[in-house]
Amino acid sequence: MSQRRSAGKQSTTATTVQGARRPRGEARRLLLDAARELFARRDYRTTTTREIAEAAGVTEYLLFRHFGSKAGLFREALVLPFTDFVDDFGKTWQAVIPDKTNEEELTRQFVGQLYDVLVEHRGLLLTLVASDGLSDDEIEGAGIADIRRALTLLGQISAEGMQLRGMHSGQPDLPAHSTVAMIVGMVALRSTFFGNRPPPREAIVNELVQAILHGFLHRP
């Protein structure tokens, strides 16, 4: 009897020690990191929850416990950072006073932050490219529809900016989409363009800013 109590005590102690090795919230962080890494190499559909859990070093049960589904994990790992960025930029735009706005500073802020978000969450680009092959339920569940709504908001901001500066276009959302496409292309093709030795981040951002300012805002 005493041996059983001793063994039970040892088992409880071992469990406590093992649990102490992983701080609260660590499993969630590991799953988010693993998801971003795997989604950056493979698209949404071909990446499985088992692979993500194994890469994170946790059980698949914990993935479902924290995020509910692969779609829920994808949303939190990749979609929310992008939509949060667009929402924050929209609030910044609403606070802009046209006569007191430095166009280059605002453009640099937008380009730099979007570039950083896309570099950190490259898997979002892969899934967007492959989204034509997803069902409507998958698009809604994974948050692709939210990305499209965010891009629509950027188009509205661009149209408002053109109107404030007295410019007109039959397709006022195209400047915003072209801007985002340039930044997305630079991120997606960075290794193709530059191999393992890309230019400094500031050089890339500056080039994009100059292309946007002189390619869109100051055209006749």
Protein backbone atom coordinates (compact mmCIF):
# COMPACT_ATOMS: atom_id res chain seq x y z
CA MET A 1 0.00 0.00 0.00
CA SER A 2 2.79 2.39 0.95
CA GLN A 3 4.56 1.51 -2.30
CA ARG A 4 1.45 2.45 -4.30
CA ARG A 5 1.16 5.76 -2.45
CA SER A 6 4.84 6.41 -3.05
CA ALA A 7 4.52 5.59 -6.75
CA GLY A 8 1.44 7.81 -7.05
CA LYS A 9 3.27 10.66 -5.34
CA GLN A 10 6.24 10.26 -7.66
CA SER A 11 3.93 10.27 -10.70
CA THR A 12 2.20 13.46 -9.53
CA THR A 13 5.56 15.10 -8.87
CA ALA A 14 6.85 14.11 -12.29
CA THR A 15 3.74 15.54 -13.93
CA THR A 16 4.12 18.77 -12.00
CA VAL A 17 7.77 19.09 -12.96
CA GLN A 18 6.99 18.29 -16.59
CA GLY A 19 4.18 20.85 -16.62
CA ALA A 20 6.47 23.46 -15.10
CA ARG A 21 8.76 23.18 -18.08
CA ARG A 22 6.11 24.75 -20.32
CA PRO A 23 4.91 28.17 -19.12
CA ARG A 24 1.27 29.13 -19.42
CA GLY A 25 0.44 30.05 -23.00
CA GLU A 26 3.59 28.41 -24.37
CA ALA A 27 1.69 25.72 -26.29
CA ARG A 28 -0.40 28.39 -27.99
CA ARG A 29 2.69 30.34 -29.01
CA LEU A 30 4.41 27.20 -30.30
CA LEU A 31 1.38 26.32 -32.41
CA LEU A 32 1.18 29.83 -33.90
CA ASP A 33 4.90 29.78 -34.74
CA ALA A 34 4.69 26.30 -36.27
CA ALA A 35 1.62 27.26 -38.30
CA ARG A 36 3.32 30.36 -39.72
CA GLU A 37 6.37 28.32 -40.63
CA LEU A 38 4.46 25.49 -42.33
CA PHE A 39 1.96 27.75 -44.10
CA ALA A 40 4.94 29.73 -45.45
CA ARG A 41 6.14 26.58 -47.24
CA ARG A 42 2.82 24.99 -48.18
CA ASP A 43 -0.66 26.28 -48.83
CA TYR A 44 -3.64 26.04 -46.50
CA ARG A 45 -5.25 22.92 -47.91
CA THR A 46 -2.16 20.69 -47.97
CA THR A 47 -1.00 21.59 -44.46
CA THR A 48 -2.56 19.29 -41.84
CA THR A 49 -3.29 19.89 -38.17
CA ARG A 50 -1.23 16.80 -37.28
CA GLU A 51 1.83 18.25 -39.03
CA ILE A 52 1.41 21.58 -37.26
CA ALA A 53 1.04 19.91 -33.87
CA GLU A 54 4.10 17.72 -34.46
CA ALA A 55 6.17 20.73 -35.56
CA ALA A 56 5.06 22.59 -32.43
CA GLY A 57 5.90 19.62 -30.22
CA VAL A 58 2.40 19.44 -28.74
CA THR A 59 -0.59 17.15 -29.15
CA GLU A 60 -3.18 17.67 -31.87
CA TYR A 61 -5.75 17.84 -29.06
CA LEU A 62 -4.14 21.07 -27.81
CA LEU A 63 -4.40 22.61 -31.27
CA PHE A 64 -8.15 22.02 -31.32
CA ARG A 65 -8.49 23.10 -27.72
CA HIS A 66 -6.82 26.46 -28.36
CA PHE A 67 -8.07 27.25 -31.87
CA GLY A 68 -11.02 24.97 -32.58
CA SER A 69 -9.90 24.02 -36.09
CA LYS A 70 -7.21 24.50 -38.70
CA ALA A 71 -9.23 27.43 -40.03
CA GLY A 72 -9.26 29.04 -36.59
CA LEU A 73 -5.50 28.63 -36.28
CA PHE A 74 -4.92 30.05 -39.77
CA ARG A 75 -7.08 33.06 -38.97
CA GLU A 76 -5.18 33.89 -35.80
CA ALA A 77 -1.71 33.12 -37.14
CA LEU A 78 -1.96 34.86 -40.51
CA VAL A 79 -5.23 36.63 -41.24
CA LEU A 80 -5.66 38.71 -38.08
CA PRO A 81 -2.23 40.39 -38.31
CA PHE A 82 -3.10 41.57 -41.83
CA THR A 83 -6.65 42.72 -41.11
CA ASP A 84 -5.50 44.41 -37.87
CA PHE A 85 -2.88 46.29 -39.88
CA VAL A 86 -5.47 47.46 -42.41
CA ASP A 87 -7.89 48.49 -39.65
CA ASP A 88 -5.16 50.47 -37.89
CA PHE A 89 -4.15 52.17 -41.14
CA GLY A 90 -7.81 53.01 -41.79
CA LYS A 91 -7.99 54.74 -38.40
CA THR A 92 -4.77 56.61 -39.15
CA TRP A 93 -6.23 57.68 -42.49
CA GLN A 94 -9.40 58.97 -40.85
CA ALA A 95 -7.27 61.20 -38.61
CA VAL A 96 -5.32 62.68 -41.53
CA ILE A 97 -5.64 66.41 -42.15
CA PRO A 98 -4.96 66.77 -45.89
CA ASP A 99 -3.33 70.21 -45.76
CA LYS A 100 -0.99 69.11 -42.98
CA THR A 101 -0.15 65.63 -44.23
CA ASN A 102 3.31 64.61 -45.33
CA GLU A 103 2.56 62.25 -48.20
CA GLU A 104 5.94 60.57 -48.13
CA GLU A 105 5.83 59.94 -44.39
CA LEU A 106 2.32 58.44 -44.58
CA THR A 107 3.25 56.32 -47.60
CA ARG A 108 6.45 55.09 -45.94
CA GLN A 109 4.51 54.12 -42.83
CA PHE A 110 1.98 52.16 -44.89
CA VAL A 111 4.54 50.44 -47.14
CA GLY A 112 6.95 49.60 -44.33
CA GLN A 113 4.33 48.11 -42.04
CA LEU A 114 2.60 46.13 -44.80
CA TYR A 115 5.95 44.82 -46.05
CA ASP A 116 6.87 43.65 -42.54
CA VAL A 117 3.49 41.98 -41.99
CA LEU A 118 3.76 40.08 -45.27
CA VAL A 119 7.39 39.03 -44.67
CA GLU A 120 6.46 37.67 -41.25
CA HIS A 121 3.33 35.93 -42.56
CA ARG A 122 4.42 34.71 -45.99
CA GLY A 123 2.02 31.77 -45.79
CA LEU A 124 -0.81 34.21 -46.30
CA LEU A 125 0.48 34.92 -49.81
CA LEU A 126 0.62 31.22 -50.72
CA THR A 127 -2.95 30.68 -49.57
CA LEU A 128 -4.24 33.77 -51.35
CA VAL A 129 -2.65 32.59 -54.60
CA ALA A 130 -4.22 29.16 -54.17
CA SER A 131 -7.57 30.47 -52.91
CA ASP A 132 -9.30 29.88 -56.26
CA GLY A 133 -9.11 26.18 -55.49
CA LEU A 134 -10.80 26.51 -52.08
CA SER A 135 -14.51 25.98 -51.49
CA ASP A 136 -16.72 28.82 -50.27
CA ASP A 137 -16.80 27.25 -46.80
CA GLU A 138 -13.00 27.04 -46.71
CA ILE A 139 -12.65 30.64 -47.89
CA GLU A 140 -15.02 31.86 -45.19
CA GLY A 141 -13.63 29.60 -42.47
CA ALA A 142 -9.98 30.42 -43.10
CA GLY A 143 -10.67 34.15 -43.25
CA ILE A 144 -9.85 34.66 -46.94
CA ALA A 145 -13.08 36.63 -47.22
CA ASP A 146 -11.77 38.92 -44.47
CA ILE A 147 -8.60 39.51 -46.47
CA ARG A 148 -10.66 40.45 -49.51
CA ARG A 149 -12.74 42.86 -47.42
CA ALA A 150 -9.54 44.41 -46.09
CA LEU A 151 -8.28 44.90 -49.65
CA THR A 152 -11.59 46.56 -50.51
CA LEU A 153 -11.05 48.97 -47.61
CA LEU A 154 -7.62 49.84 -48.99
CA GLY A 155 -9.26 50.53 -52.33
CA GLN A 156 -11.73 52.92 -50.67
CA ILE A 157 -8.90 54.73 -48.89
CA SER A 158 -7.05 55.08 -52.19
CA ALA A 159 -10.14 56.50 -53.91
CA GLU A 160 -10.62 59.04 -51.12
CA GLY A 161 -6.96 60.03 -51.38
CA MET A 162 -7.26 60.63 -55.10
CA GLN A 163 -10.37 62.76 -54.64
CA LEU A 164 -8.69 64.88 -51.96
CA ARG A 165 -5.83 65.59 -54.37
CA GLY A 166 -8.11 66.42 -57.29
CA MET A 167 -7.27 63.30 -59.30
CA HIS A 168 -9.78 61.17 -61.14
CA SER A 169 -9.82 57.60 -62.38
CA GLY A 170 -12.41 55.37 -63.97
CA GLN A 171 -11.14 52.59 -61.67
CA PRO A 172 -10.23 54.37 -58.41
CA ASP A 173 -9.48 51.13 -56.54
CA LEU A 174 -6.73 50.11 -58.98
CA PRO A 175 -4.02 52.36 -57.49
CA ALA A 176 -4.48 50.67 -54.08
CA HIS A 177 -4.52 47.20 -55.59
CA SER A 178 -1.48 48.00 -57.71
CA THR A 179 0.34 49.28 -54.64
CA VAL A 180 -0.45 46.16 -52.63
CA ALA A 181 0.48 43.97 -55.61
CA MET A 182 3.92 45.63 -55.83
CA ILE A 183 4.59 45.02 -52.15
CA VAL A 184 3.24 41.45 -52.30
CA GLY A 185 5.37 40.74 -55.37
CA MET A 186 8.51 42.04 -53.70
CA VAL A 187 7.90 39.79 -50.70
CA ALA A 188 6.83 36.71 -52.68
CA LEU A 189 9.68 36.95 -55.19
CA ARG A 190 12.37 38.31 -52.90
CA SER A 191 14.44 35.12 -52.92
CA THR A 192 13.92 34.77 -56.69
CA PHE A 193 15.18 38.30 -57.29
CA PHE A 194 18.01 38.39 -54.77
CA GLY A 195 18.78 34.84 -53.67
CA ASN A 196 20.16 34.66 -50.14
CA ARG A 197 21.46 38.24 -50.19
CA PRO A 198 18.49 40.61 -50.49
CA PRO A 199 19.02 44.38 -50.18
CA PRO A 200 18.44 45.92 -46.75
CA ARG A 201 14.81 46.23 -45.73
CA GLU A 202 15.02 50.04 -45.75
CA ALA A 203 16.31 50.07 -49.32
CA ILE A 204 13.43 47.90 -50.51
CA VAL A 205 10.84 50.00 -48.66
CA ASN A 206 12.32 53.23 -50.01
CA GLU A 207 12.18 51.95 -53.60
CA LEU A 208 8.55 50.96 -53.19
CA VAL A 209 7.69 54.33 -51.64
CA GLN A 210 9.26 56.24 -54.52
CA ALA A 211 7.47 54.06 -57.09
CA ILE A 212 4.13 54.70 -55.39
CA LEU A 213 4.61 58.43 -54.90
CA HIS A 214 5.84 59.17 -58.39
CA GLY A 215 3.87 56.45 -60.14
CA PHE A 216 0.43 57.23 -58.69
CA LEU A 217 0.08 60.36 -56.60
CA HIS A 218 1.82 62.78 -58.92
CA ARG A 219 0.52 61.57 -62.25
CA PRO A 220 -1.61 64.03 -64.27
